[in-house]
Amino acid sequence: MLYALTVIVPGSEAETLFKALDEADSCGLLLEDADEGQENESPIFGEPSQLPADEPRYWARNKIKAYFDVALTPQHPAMQLVQHLPHTVEAVQQEDWVSKTQAQFDPIEITPRLWIVPSWHREQLHKTLRKDAVSIQLDPGLAFGTGSHPTTKMCLQWLASHMPAGATVLDYGCGSGILAITAQKLGASQVTGIDIDPQAVTAARQNALINDCPQIYFGLPEMFAQQTQTFEVVVANILASPLKVLASLLAARTTGALILSGILERQVEELTTAYAPYIALKVWAQDQGWACMVGQRSENP
């Protein structure tokens, strides 16, 4: 039996309480907008640690749900933390969480020819895919990028429709490696993936092996900085703030197309300005409030 403690806190207290409940031996934590689906709902885009300073990290009212595998008596440390806050406790029947989680992730059609497929759907889906289809096997994990988010999907669509045959490709901020792997499977001659998070690099390498792409190089920025290689296609799906910081670096590594994503539609003008000294950017696609921008140095599509 599991016990779920649900508590409502303002944004100023959310991070402190979340960490405290984690230290109180919670076996699972969930943070949501307490006003989701209501008039006061306030969408927040991006990871809290990567948001610009002027962006809110938490909602006005936050719902924290913490799970425990022991009964929550008044003396339990978690109950001491929330005793003066609005909260509820309920018993939760144990379930097959693996199957329940897997059920939330279906195959994703990027284009009729390109699919992102969780491993538990792979065998059955392959019976129905067209003969020339390219499928990337990717399970949700530690690193960002499963193909479901608009920022990732737009980059995948660009690669599927515009990447020159045999191109050299750099995926900067590779996360799960999904863009690098897709480029390789679509016919890139050489692919490099870079990420600041060692866990992402590890996850990307594992995903590349699963997809029979062991030749892709994945590494950290400090190793990449020692190289001077340029690429015909550079793709970076990060967020607007780091993309602005990286403007000169990414532009310098590009001999053909530069594809940038992770940009809110209202941030398009500032990205255009930041890259103007290096390369002209235009909006290539927009989806659910996000924009994908492309700059071109050559006559390649």
C-alpha atoms as a PDB file:
ATOM      1  CA  MET A   1       0.000   0.000   0.000  1.00  0.00           C
ATOM      2  CA  LEU A   2       1.191   3.485  -0.861  1.00  0.00           C
ATOM      3  CA  TYR A   3       0.128   6.708   0.834  1.00  0.00           C
ATOM      4  CA  ALA A   4      -0.226   9.930  -1.152  1.00  0.00           C
ATOM      5  CA  LEU A   5       0.241  13.263   0.598  1.00  0.00           C
ATOM      6  CA  THR A   6      -1.120  16.198  -1.424  1.00  0.00           C
ATOM      7  CA  VAL A   7      -0.349  19.759  -0.376  1.00  0.00           C
ATOM      8  CA  ILE A   8      -1.018  23.175  -1.953  1.00  0.00           C
ATOM      9  CA  VAL A   9       1.664  25.862  -1.616  1.00  0.00           C
ATOM     10  CA  PRO A  10       2.417  29.238  -3.230  1.00  0.00           C
ATOM     11  CA  GLY A  11       5.266  29.515  -5.707  1.00  0.00           C
ATOM     12  CA  SER A  12       7.590  31.099  -3.139  1.00  0.00           C
ATOM     13  CA  GLU A  13       7.460  27.928  -1.007  1.00  0.00           C
ATOM     14  CA  ALA A  14       7.256  25.221  -3.684  1.00  0.00           C
ATOM     15  CA  GLU A  15      10.954  24.460  -4.165  1.00  0.00           C
ATOM     16  CA  THR A  16      11.784  24.359  -0.443  1.00  0.00           C
ATOM     17  CA  LEU A  17       8.897  22.035   0.410  1.00  0.00           C
ATOM     18  CA  PHE A  18       9.519  19.816  -2.615  1.00  0.00           C
ATOM     19  CA  LYS A  19      13.128  19.232  -1.541  1.00  0.00           C
ATOM     20  CA  ALA A  20      12.118  18.734   2.105  1.00  0.00           C
ATOM     21  CA  LEU A  21       9.553  16.055   1.198  1.00  0.00           C
ATOM     22  CA  ASP A  22      12.173  14.326  -0.911  1.00  0.00           C
ATOM     23  CA  GLU A  23      14.498  14.247   2.105  1.00  0.00           C
ATOM     24  CA  ALA A  24      11.623  12.893   4.239  1.00  0.00           C
ATOM     25  CA  ASP A  25      11.972   9.555   2.392  1.00  0.00           C
ATOM     26  CA  SER A  26       9.296  10.086  -0.225  1.00  0.00           C
ATOM     27  CA  CYS A  27       9.365   7.322  -2.849  1.00  0.00           C
ATOM     28  CA  GLY A  28       7.908   9.597  -5.533  1.00  0.00           C
ATOM     29  CA  LEU A  29       7.100  13.275  -6.051  1.00  0.00           C
ATOM     30  CA  LEU A  30       4.893  15.161  -8.494  1.00  0.00           C
ATOM     31  CA  LEU A  31       4.653  18.949  -8.943  1.00  0.00           C
ATOM     32  CA  GLU A  32       1.684  20.423 -10.849  1.00  0.00           C
ATOM     33  CA  ASP A  33      -0.203  23.666 -11.346  1.00  0.00           C
ATOM     34  CA  ALA A  34      -2.949  23.598  -8.701  1.00  0.00           C
ATOM     35  CA  ASP A  35      -5.103  25.689 -11.064  1.00  0.00           C
ATOM     36  CA  GLU A  36      -4.641  23.462 -14.130  1.00  0.00           C
ATOM     37  CA  GLY A  37      -7.732  23.482 -16.309  1.00  0.00           C
ATOM     38  CA  GLN A  38      -9.142  26.550 -14.568  1.00  0.00           C
ATOM     39  CA  GLU A  39      -9.251  30.236 -15.446  1.00  0.00           C
ATOM     40  CA  ASN A  40      -6.145  30.961 -13.327  1.00  0.00           C
ATOM     41  CA  GLU A  41      -3.996  28.342 -15.079  1.00  0.00           C
ATOM     42  CA  SER A  42      -0.598  29.817 -16.025  1.00  0.00           C
ATOM     43  CA  PRO A  43       1.536  27.787 -18.486  1.00  0.00           C
ATOM     44  CA  ILE A  44       5.276  27.722 -17.843  1.00  0.00           C
ATOM     45  CA  PHE A  45       7.566  26.707 -20.695  1.00  0.00           C
ATOM     46  CA  GLY A  46      10.899  24.976 -20.151  1.00  0.00           C
ATOM     47  CA  GLU A  47      12.873  23.487 -17.296  1.00  0.00           C
ATOM     48  CA  PRO A  48      12.999  25.695 -14.157  1.00  0.00           C
ATOM     49  CA  SER A  49      16.805  25.630 -14.014  1.00  0.00           C
ATOM     50  CA  GLN A  50      17.062  26.865 -17.624  1.00  0.00           C
ATOM     51  CA  LEU A  51      14.410  29.579 -17.619  1.00  0.00           C
ATOM     52  CA  PRO A  52      15.490  33.225 -18.043  1.00  0.00           C
ATOM     53  CA  ALA A  53      15.616  35.320 -14.871  1.00  0.00           C
ATOM     54  CA  ASP A  54      12.395  37.130 -15.759  1.00  0.00           C
ATOM     55  CA  GLU A  55      10.400  33.889 -16.235  1.00  0.00           C
ATOM     56  CA  PRO A  56       8.441  32.409 -13.277  1.00  0.00           C
ATOM     57  CA  ARG A  57       9.870  29.103 -12.005  1.00  0.00           C
ATOM     58  CA  TYR A  58       6.674  27.972 -10.302  1.00  0.00           C
ATOM     59  CA  TRP A  59       2.937  28.574 -10.542  1.00  0.00           C
ATOM     60  CA  ALA A  60       0.992  30.931  -8.293  1.00  0.00           C
ATOM     61  CA  ARG A  61      -0.462  27.856  -6.551  1.00  0.00           C
ATOM     62  CA  ASN A  62       1.466  24.590  -6.701  1.00  0.00           C
ATOM     63  CA  LYS A  63       0.147  21.110  -5.982  1.00  0.00           C
ATOM     64  CA  ILE A  64       2.811  18.771  -4.637  1.00  0.00           C
ATOM     65  CA  LYS A  65       1.944  15.097  -4.389  1.00  0.00           C
ATOM     66  CA  ALA A  66       4.396  12.964  -2.397  1.00  0.00           C
ATOM     67  CA  TYR A  67       4.142   9.173  -2.156  1.00  0.00           C
ATOM     68  CA  PHE A  68       5.269   7.120   0.834  1.00  0.00           C
ATOM     69  CA  ASP A  69       5.390   3.371   1.447  1.00  0.00           C
ATOM     70  CA  VAL A  70       4.644   3.707   5.171  1.00  0.00           C
ATOM     71  CA  ALA A  71       1.576   5.037   6.976  1.00  0.00           C
ATOM     72  CA  LEU A  72       1.709   8.808   7.531  1.00  0.00           C
ATOM     73  CA  THR A  73       1.181   9.251  11.262  1.00  0.00           C
ATOM     74  CA  PRO A  74       1.178  12.772  12.765  1.00  0.00           C
ATOM     75  CA  GLN A  75       4.746  12.121  13.918  1.00  0.00           C
ATOM     76  CA  HIS A  76       6.044  11.336  10.430  1.00  0.00           C
ATOM     77  CA  PRO A  77       8.559  14.000   9.237  1.00  0.00           C
ATOM     78  CA  ALA A  78       6.465  14.715   6.142  1.00  0.00           C
ATOM     79  CA  MET A  79       3.360  15.398   8.224  1.00  0.00           C
ATOM     80  CA  GLN A  80       5.359  17.720  10.450  1.00  0.00           C
ATOM     81  CA  LEU A  81       6.367  19.693   7.364  1.00  0.00           C
ATOM     82  CA  VAL A  82       2.780  20.267   6.179  1.00  0.00           C
ATOM     83  CA  GLN A  83       0.875  20.481   9.451  1.00  0.00           C
ATOM     84  CA  HIS A  84       0.087  24.173   8.925  1.00  0.00           C
ATOM     85  CA  LEU A  85      -0.654  23.881   5.192  1.00  0.00           C
ATOM     86  CA  PRO A  86      -3.787  22.687   3.330  1.00  0.00           C
ATOM     87  CA  HIS A  87      -3.188  18.991   2.689  1.00  0.00           C
ATOM     88  CA  THR A  88      -4.818  15.588   2.262  1.00  0.00           C
ATOM     89  CA  VAL A  89      -3.634  12.006   2.722  1.00  0.00           C
ATOM     90  CA  GLU A  90      -5.070   9.037   0.880  1.00  0.00           C
ATOM     91  CA  ALA A  91      -4.201   5.368   0.526  1.00  0.00           C
ATOM     92  CA  VAL A  92      -3.268   4.313  -3.014  1.00  0.00           C
ATOM     93  CA  GLN A  93      -3.440   0.744  -4.266  1.00  0.00           C
ATOM     94  CA  GLN A  94      -0.178  -0.544  -5.715  1.00  0.00           C
ATOM     95  CA  GLU A  95      -0.330  -0.866  -9.509  1.00  0.00           C
ATOM     96  CA  ASP A  96       1.815  -2.121 -12.336  1.00  0.00           C
ATOM     97  CA  TRP A  97       3.493   1.258 -12.754  1.00  0.00           C
ATOM     98  CA  VAL A  98       5.719   0.061 -15.594  1.00  0.00           C
ATOM     99  CA  SER A  99       2.750  -0.959 -17.747  1.00  0.00           C
ATOM    100  CA  LYS A 100       0.824   2.146 -16.748  1.00  0.00           C
ATOM    101  CA  THR A 101       3.737   4.408 -17.704  1.00  0.00           C
ATOM    102  CA  GLN A 102       4.315   2.599 -20.987  1.00  0.00           C
ATOM    103  CA  ALA A 103       0.655   3.038 -21.906  1.00  0.00           C
ATOM    104  CA  GLN A 104       1.203   6.828 -21.931  1.00  0.00           C
ATOM    105  CA  PHE A 105       3.804   6.636 -24.725  1.00  0.00           C
ATOM    106  CA  ASP A 106       2.568   5.626 -28.168  1.00  0.00           C
ATOM    107  CA  PRO A 107       4.540   5.645 -31.439  1.00  0.00           C
ATOM    108  CA  ILE A 108       4.944   9.186 -32.785  1.00  0.00           C
ATOM    109  CA  GLU A 109       4.539   9.882 -36.491  1.00  0.00           C
ATOM    110  CA  ILE A 110       6.930  12.711 -37.375  1.00  0.00           C
ATOM    111  CA  THR A 111       6.312  12.337 -41.110  1.00  0.00           C
ATOM    112  CA  PRO A 112       4.773   9.377 -42.989  1.00  0.00           C
ATOM    113  CA  ARG A 113       8.318   8.062 -43.402  1.00  0.00           C
ATOM    114  CA  LEU A 114       9.785   8.896 -39.963  1.00  0.00           C
ATOM    115  CA  TRP A 115       8.535   7.420 -36.681  1.00  0.00           C
ATOM    116  CA  ILE A 116       9.707   7.512 -33.057  1.00  0.00           C
ATOM    117  CA  VAL A 117       8.852   4.168 -31.482  1.00  0.00           C
ATOM    118  CA  PRO A 118       9.061   3.038 -27.827  1.00  0.00           C
ATOM    119  CA  SER A 119      10.562  -0.452 -27.569  1.00  0.00           C
ATOM    120  CA  TRP A 120       7.310  -2.033 -26.371  1.00  0.00           C
ATOM    121  CA  HIS A 121       5.566  -0.984 -29.617  1.00  0.00           C
ATOM    122  CA  ARG A 122       8.398  -1.739 -32.023  1.00  0.00           C
ATOM    123  CA  GLU A 123       7.577  -5.288 -33.107  1.00  0.00           C
ATOM    124  CA  GLN A 124       3.899  -4.691 -33.823  1.00  0.00           C
ATOM    125  CA  LEU A 125       4.353  -1.296 -35.485  1.00  0.00           C
ATOM    126  CA  HIS A 126       6.978  -2.602 -37.907  1.00  0.00           C
ATOM    127  CA  LYS A 127       4.362  -4.903 -39.421  1.00  0.00           C
ATOM    128  CA  THR A 128       2.333  -1.891 -40.560  1.00  0.00           C
ATOM    129  CA  LEU A 129       5.018   0.674 -41.520  1.00  0.00           C
ATOM    130  CA  ARG A 130       5.759   1.373 -45.187  1.00  0.00           C
ATOM    131  CA  LYS A 131       8.863  -0.347 -46.542  1.00  0.00           C
ATOM    132  CA  ASP A 132      10.981   2.802 -46.743  1.00  0.00           C
ATOM    133  CA  ALA A 133      10.030   4.002 -43.241  1.00  0.00           C
ATOM    134  CA  VAL A 134      12.746   5.018 -40.793  1.00  0.00           C
ATOM    135  CA  SER A 135      11.940   4.251 -37.155  1.00  0.00           C
ATOM    136  CA  ILE A 136      13.929   5.413 -34.149  1.00  0.00           C
ATOM    137  CA  GLN A 137      13.589   3.255 -31.051  1.00  0.00           C
ATOM    138  CA  LEU A 138      13.525   5.535 -28.028  1.00  0.00           C
ATOM    139  CA  ASP A 139      12.147   4.994 -24.540  1.00  0.00           C
ATOM    140  CA  PRO A 140      11.490   7.840 -22.083  1.00  0.00           C
ATOM    141  CA  GLY A 141      14.447   8.206 -19.735  1.00  0.00           C
ATOM    142  CA  LEU A 142      16.852  10.571 -18.015  1.00  0.00           C
ATOM    143  CA  ALA A 143      17.586  12.787 -20.998  1.00  0.00           C
ATOM    144  CA  PHE A 144      15.223  15.235 -22.701  1.00  0.00           C
ATOM    145  CA  GLY A 145      13.896  14.326 -26.127  1.00  0.00           C
ATOM    146  CA  THR A 146      11.314  11.690 -27.020  1.00  0.00           C
ATOM    147  CA  GLY A 147       9.923  13.389 -30.122  1.00  0.00           C
ATOM    148  CA  SER A 148       6.604  14.323 -28.538  1.00  0.00           C
ATOM    149  CA  HIS A 149       7.493  17.923 -27.637  1.00  0.00           C
ATOM    150  CA  PRO A 150       6.882  20.485 -30.410  1.00  0.00           C
ATOM    151  CA  THR A 151      10.476  21.781 -30.250  1.00  0.00           C
ATOM    152  CA  THR A 152      11.914  18.324 -30.912  1.00  0.00           C
ATOM    153  CA  LYS A 153       9.255  17.391 -33.462  1.00  0.00           C
ATOM    154  CA  MET A 154       9.906  20.479 -35.604  1.00  0.00           C
ATOM    155  CA  CYS A 155      13.651  19.690 -35.713  1.00  0.00           C
ATOM    156  CA  LEU A 156      12.882  16.102 -36.701  1.00  0.00           C
ATOM    157  CA  GLN A 157      10.564  17.307 -39.457  1.00  0.00           C
ATOM    158  CA  TRP A 158      13.277  19.594 -40.819  1.00  0.00           C
ATOM    159  CA  LEU A 159      15.804  16.743 -40.856  1.00  0.00           C
ATOM    160  CA  ALA A 160      13.314  14.425 -42.569  1.00  0.00           C
ATOM    161  CA  SER A 161      12.444  16.933 -45.282  1.00  0.00           C
ATOM    162  CA  HIS A 162      15.532  19.117 -45.802  1.00  0.00           C
ATOM    163  CA  MET A 163      18.746  17.420 -44.636  1.00  0.00           C
ATOM    164  CA  PRO A 164      21.087  17.018 -47.636  1.00  0.00           C
ATOM    165  CA  ALA A 165      22.090  13.445 -48.437  1.00  0.00           C
ATOM    166  CA  GLY A 166      25.432  12.542 -46.877  1.00  0.00           C
ATOM    167  CA  ALA A 167      25.584  15.731 -44.782  1.00  0.00           C
ATOM    168  CA  THR A 168      27.819  16.163 -41.764  1.00  0.00           C
ATOM    169  CA  VAL A 169      25.649  17.011 -38.754  1.00  0.00           C
ATOM    170  CA  LEU A 170      26.189  18.552 -35.307  1.00  0.00           C
ATOM    171  CA  ASP A 171      23.479  18.132 -32.652  1.00  0.00           C
ATOM    172  CA  TYR A 172      24.351  20.661 -29.937  1.00  0.00           C
ATOM    173  CA  GLY A 173      22.451  19.998 -26.713  1.00  0.00           C
ATOM    174  CA  CYS A 174      21.764  16.434 -27.834  1.00  0.00           C
ATOM    175  CA  GLY A 175      19.799  15.237 -24.775  1.00  0.00           C
ATOM    176  CA  SER A 176      18.617  11.702 -25.535  1.00  0.00           C
ATOM    177  CA  GLY A 177      20.429  11.783 -28.875  1.00  0.00           C
ATOM    178  CA  ILE A 178      17.198  11.646 -30.849  1.00  0.00           C
ATOM    179  CA  LEU A 179      18.186  14.285 -33.429  1.00  0.00           C
ATOM    180  CA  ALA A 180      21.680  12.897 -33.929  1.00  0.00           C
ATOM    181  CA  ILE A 181      20.370   9.338 -34.307  1.00  0.00           C
ATOM    182  CA  THR A 182      17.677  10.466 -36.730  1.00  0.00           C
ATOM    183  CA  ALA A 183      20.231  12.314 -38.850  1.00  0.00           C
ATOM    184  CA  GLN A 184      22.405   9.205 -39.010  1.00  0.00           C
ATOM    185  CA  LYS A 185      19.472   6.942 -39.912  1.00  0.00           C
ATOM    186  CA  LEU A 186      18.372   9.402 -42.614  1.00  0.00           C
ATOM    187  CA  GLY A 187      21.756   9.180 -44.323  1.00  0.00           C
ATOM    188  CA  ALA A 188      24.141  11.684 -42.708  1.00  0.00           C
ATOM    189  CA  SER A 189      27.767  10.808 -43.397  1.00  0.00           C
ATOM    190  CA  GLN A 190      29.081  11.903 -39.985  1.00  0.00           C
ATOM    191  CA  VAL A 191      27.221  12.959 -36.828  1.00  0.00           C
ATOM    192  CA  THR A 192      28.408  14.553 -33.586  1.00  0.00           C
ATOM    193  CA  GLY A 193      26.262  15.108 -30.465  1.00  0.00           C
ATOM    194  CA  ILE A 194      27.259  17.463 -27.643  1.00  0.00           C
ATOM    195  CA  ASP A 195      25.615  18.024 -24.248  1.00  0.00           C
ATOM    196  CA  ILE A 196      26.644  19.686 -20.973  1.00  0.00           C
ATOM    197  CA  ASP A 197      25.042  16.873 -18.936  1.00  0.00           C
ATOM    198  CA  PRO A 198      27.176  13.699 -18.615  1.00  0.00           C
ATOM    199  CA  GLN A 199      24.005  11.675 -18.009  1.00  0.00           C
ATOM    200  CA  ALA A 200      22.597  12.883 -21.317  1.00  0.00           C
ATOM    201  CA  VAL A 201      25.807  11.883 -23.101  1.00  0.00           C
ATOM    202  CA  THR A 202      25.586   8.412 -21.543  1.00  0.00           C
ATOM    203  CA  ALA A 203      21.901   8.068 -22.465  1.00  0.00           C
ATOM    204  CA  ALA A 204      22.574   9.253 -26.023  1.00  0.00           C
ATOM    205  CA  ARG A 205      25.361   6.697 -26.479  1.00  0.00           C
ATOM    206  CA  GLN A 206      23.084   3.913 -25.238  1.00  0.00           C
ATOM    207  CA  ASN A 207      20.266   5.009 -27.536  1.00  0.00           C
ATOM    208  CA  ALA A 208      22.665   5.144 -30.485  1.00  0.00           C
ATOM    209  CA  LEU A 209      23.749   1.549 -29.850  1.00  0.00           C
ATOM    210  CA  ILE A 210      20.116   0.415 -29.602  1.00  0.00           C
ATOM    211  CA  ASN A 211      19.486   2.035 -32.987  1.00  0.00           C
ATOM    212  CA  ASP A 212      22.586   0.521 -34.625  1.00  0.00           C
ATOM    213  CA  CYS A 213      24.378   3.873 -34.830  1.00  0.00           C
ATOM    214  CA  PRO A 214      27.613   3.230 -32.895  1.00  0.00           C
ATOM    215  CA  GLN A 215      29.564   5.558 -35.184  1.00  0.00           C
ATOM    216  CA  ILE A 216      27.973   8.724 -33.749  1.00  0.00           C
ATOM    217  CA  TYR A 217      30.333  10.670 -31.481  1.00  0.00           C
ATOM    218  CA  PHE A 218      28.762  11.968 -28.265  1.00  0.00           C
ATOM    219  CA  GLY A 219      30.729  14.118 -25.835  1.00  0.00           C
ATOM    220  CA  LEU A 220      30.905  17.120 -23.524  1.00  0.00           C
ATOM    221  CA  PRO A 221      31.499  20.737 -24.683  1.00  0.00           C
ATOM    222  CA  GLU A 222      35.054  20.878 -23.313  1.00  0.00           C
ATOM    223  CA  MET A 223      36.141  18.050 -25.615  1.00  0.00           C
ATOM    224  CA  PHE A 224      34.320  19.618 -28.565  1.00  0.00           C
ATOM    225  CA  ALA A 225      35.962  23.007 -27.928  1.00  0.00           C
ATOM    226  CA  GLN A 226      39.356  21.497 -28.732  1.00  0.00           C
ATOM    227  CA  GLN A 227      38.196  20.668 -32.256  1.00  0.00           C
ATOM    228  CA  THR A 228      37.763  23.034 -35.204  1.00  0.00           C
ATOM    229  CA  GLN A 229      35.462  20.913 -37.357  1.00  0.00           C
ATOM    230  CA  THR A 230      32.583  22.530 -39.213  1.00  0.00           C
ATOM    231  CA  PHE A 231      29.315  20.881 -40.260  1.00  0.00           C
ATOM    232  CA  GLU A 232      26.891  21.160 -43.162  1.00  0.00           C
ATOM    233  CA  VAL A 233      23.955  20.986 -40.723  1.00  0.00           C
ATOM    234  CA  VAL A 234      23.969  22.265 -37.129  1.00  0.00           C
ATOM    235  CA  VAL A 235      20.856  21.718 -35.015  1.00  0.00           C
ATOM    236  CA  ALA A 236      20.371  22.999 -31.466  1.00  0.00           C
ATOM    237  CA  ASN A 237      17.151  22.332 -29.574  1.00  0.00           C
ATOM    238  CA  ILE A 238      17.808  24.056 -26.246  1.00  0.00           C
ATOM    239  CA  LEU A 239      16.165  27.275 -24.960  1.00  0.00           C
ATOM    240  CA  ALA A 240      16.389  30.891 -26.064  1.00  0.00           C
ATOM    241  CA  SER A 241      18.827  32.123 -23.381  1.00  0.00           C
ATOM    242  CA  PRO A 242      21.599  29.539 -24.009  1.00  0.00           C
ATOM    243  CA  LEU A 243      20.999  29.808 -27.759  1.00  0.00           C
ATOM    244  CA  LYS A 244      21.808  33.541 -27.580  1.00  0.00           C
ATOM    245  CA  VAL A 245      24.987  32.835 -25.594  1.00  0.00           C
ATOM    246  CA  LEU A 246      26.022  30.220 -28.175  1.00  0.00           C
ATOM    247  CA  ALA A 247      25.332  32.394 -31.226  1.00  0.00           C
ATOM    248  CA  SER A 248      28.923  32.933 -32.351  1.00  0.00           C
ATOM    249  CA  LEU A 249      29.951  29.327 -31.620  1.00  0.00           C
ATOM    250  CA  LEU A 250      27.064  27.676 -33.457  1.00  0.00           C
ATOM    251  CA  ALA A 251      27.280  30.034 -36.420  1.00  0.00           C
ATOM    252  CA  ALA A 252      31.029  29.449 -36.706  1.00  0.00           C
ATOM    253  CA  ARG A 253      30.485  25.687 -36.897  1.00  0.00           C
ATOM    254  CA  THR A 254      27.894  25.994 -39.661  1.00  0.00           C
ATOM    255  CA  THR A 255      28.768  25.812 -43.364  1.00  0.00           C
ATOM    256  CA  GLY A 256      25.200  25.064 -44.480  1.00  0.00           C
ATOM    257  CA  ALA A 257      22.009  25.068 -42.428  1.00  0.00           C
ATOM    258  CA  LEU A 258      21.581  26.171 -38.814  1.00  0.00           C
ATOM    259  CA  ILE A 259      18.378  24.924 -37.150  1.00  0.00           C
ATOM    260  CA  LEU A 260      17.418  26.378 -33.765  1.00  0.00           C
ATOM    261  CA  SER A 261      14.503  25.294 -31.589  1.00  0.00           C
ATOM    262  CA  GLY A 262      13.326  25.657 -28.002  1.00  0.00           C
ATOM    263  CA  ILE A 263      12.282  29.225 -28.815  1.00  0.00           C
ATOM    264  CA  LEU A 264       8.981  30.738 -27.735  1.00  0.00           C
ATOM    265  CA  GLU A 265       7.207  32.651 -30.504  1.00  0.00           C
ATOM    266  CA  ARG A 266       7.615  35.899 -28.546  1.00  0.00           C
ATOM    267  CA  GLN A 267      11.408  35.331 -28.451  1.00  0.00           C
ATOM    268  CA  VAL A 268      11.845  35.151 -32.243  1.00  0.00           C
ATOM    269  CA  GLU A 269      12.863  38.797 -32.627  1.00  0.00           C
ATOM    270  CA  GLU A 270      15.557  38.659 -29.941  1.00  0.00           C
ATOM    271  CA  LEU A 271      17.027  35.473 -31.481  1.00  0.00           C
ATOM    272  CA  THR A 272      17.025  37.103 -34.905  1.00  0.00           C
ATOM    273  CA  THR A 273      18.921  40.060 -33.435  1.00  0.00           C
ATOM    274  CA  ALA A 274      21.394  37.896 -31.512  1.00  0.00           C
ATOM    275  CA  TYR A 275      22.358  35.915 -34.640  1.00  0.00           C
ATOM    276  CA  ALA A 276      22.240  38.832 -37.111  1.00  0.00           C
ATOM    277  CA  PRO A 277      26.024  39.487 -36.969  1.00  0.00           C
ATOM    278  CA  TYR A 278      26.665  35.852 -37.924  1.00  0.00           C
ATOM    279  CA  ILE A 279      23.761  34.450 -39.955  1.00  0.00           C
ATOM    280  CA  ALA A 280      20.236  35.527 -40.966  1.00  0.00           C
ATOM    281  CA  LEU A 281      17.506  33.519 -39.243  1.00  0.00           C
ATOM    282  CA  LYS A 282      13.920  33.011 -40.364  1.00  0.00           C
ATOM    283  CA  VAL A 283      11.022  31.183 -38.744  1.00  0.00           C
ATOM    284  CA  TRP A 284      10.678  27.802 -40.464  1.00  0.00           C
ATOM    285  CA  ALA A 285       7.801  26.353 -38.403  1.00  0.00           C
ATOM    286  CA  GLN A 286       5.618  27.148 -35.400  1.00  0.00           C
ATOM    287  CA  ASP A 287       3.739  24.799 -33.093  1.00  0.00           C
ATOM    288  CA  GLN A 288       1.870  25.328 -29.809  1.00  0.00           C
ATOM    289  CA  GLY A 289       3.599  28.616 -29.026  1.00  0.00           C
ATOM    290  CA  TRP A 290       7.081  27.419 -30.008  1.00  0.00           C
ATOM    291  CA  ALA A 291       9.138  28.402 -33.075  1.00  0.00           C
ATOM    292  CA  CYS A 292      11.824  26.637 -35.073  1.00  0.00           C
ATOM    293  CA  MET A 293      14.233  29.035 -36.807  1.00  0.00           C
ATOM    294  CA  VAL A 294      16.567  28.276 -39.694  1.00  0.00           C
ATOM    295  CA  GLY A 295      19.588  30.095 -41.105  1.00  0.00           C
ATOM    296  CA  GLN A 296      21.283  29.155 -44.370  1.00  0.00           C
ATOM    297  CA  ARG A 297      24.881  29.737 -45.481  1.00  0.00           C
ATOM    298  CA  SER A 298      24.747  27.796 -48.745  1.00  0.00           C
ATOM    299  CA  GLU A 299      22.391  26.830 -51.551  1.00  0.00           C
ATOM    300  CA  ASN A 300      21.506  23.542 -49.846  1.00  0.00           C
ATOM    301  CA  PRO A 301      17.724  23.221 -49.179  1.00  0.00           C
END
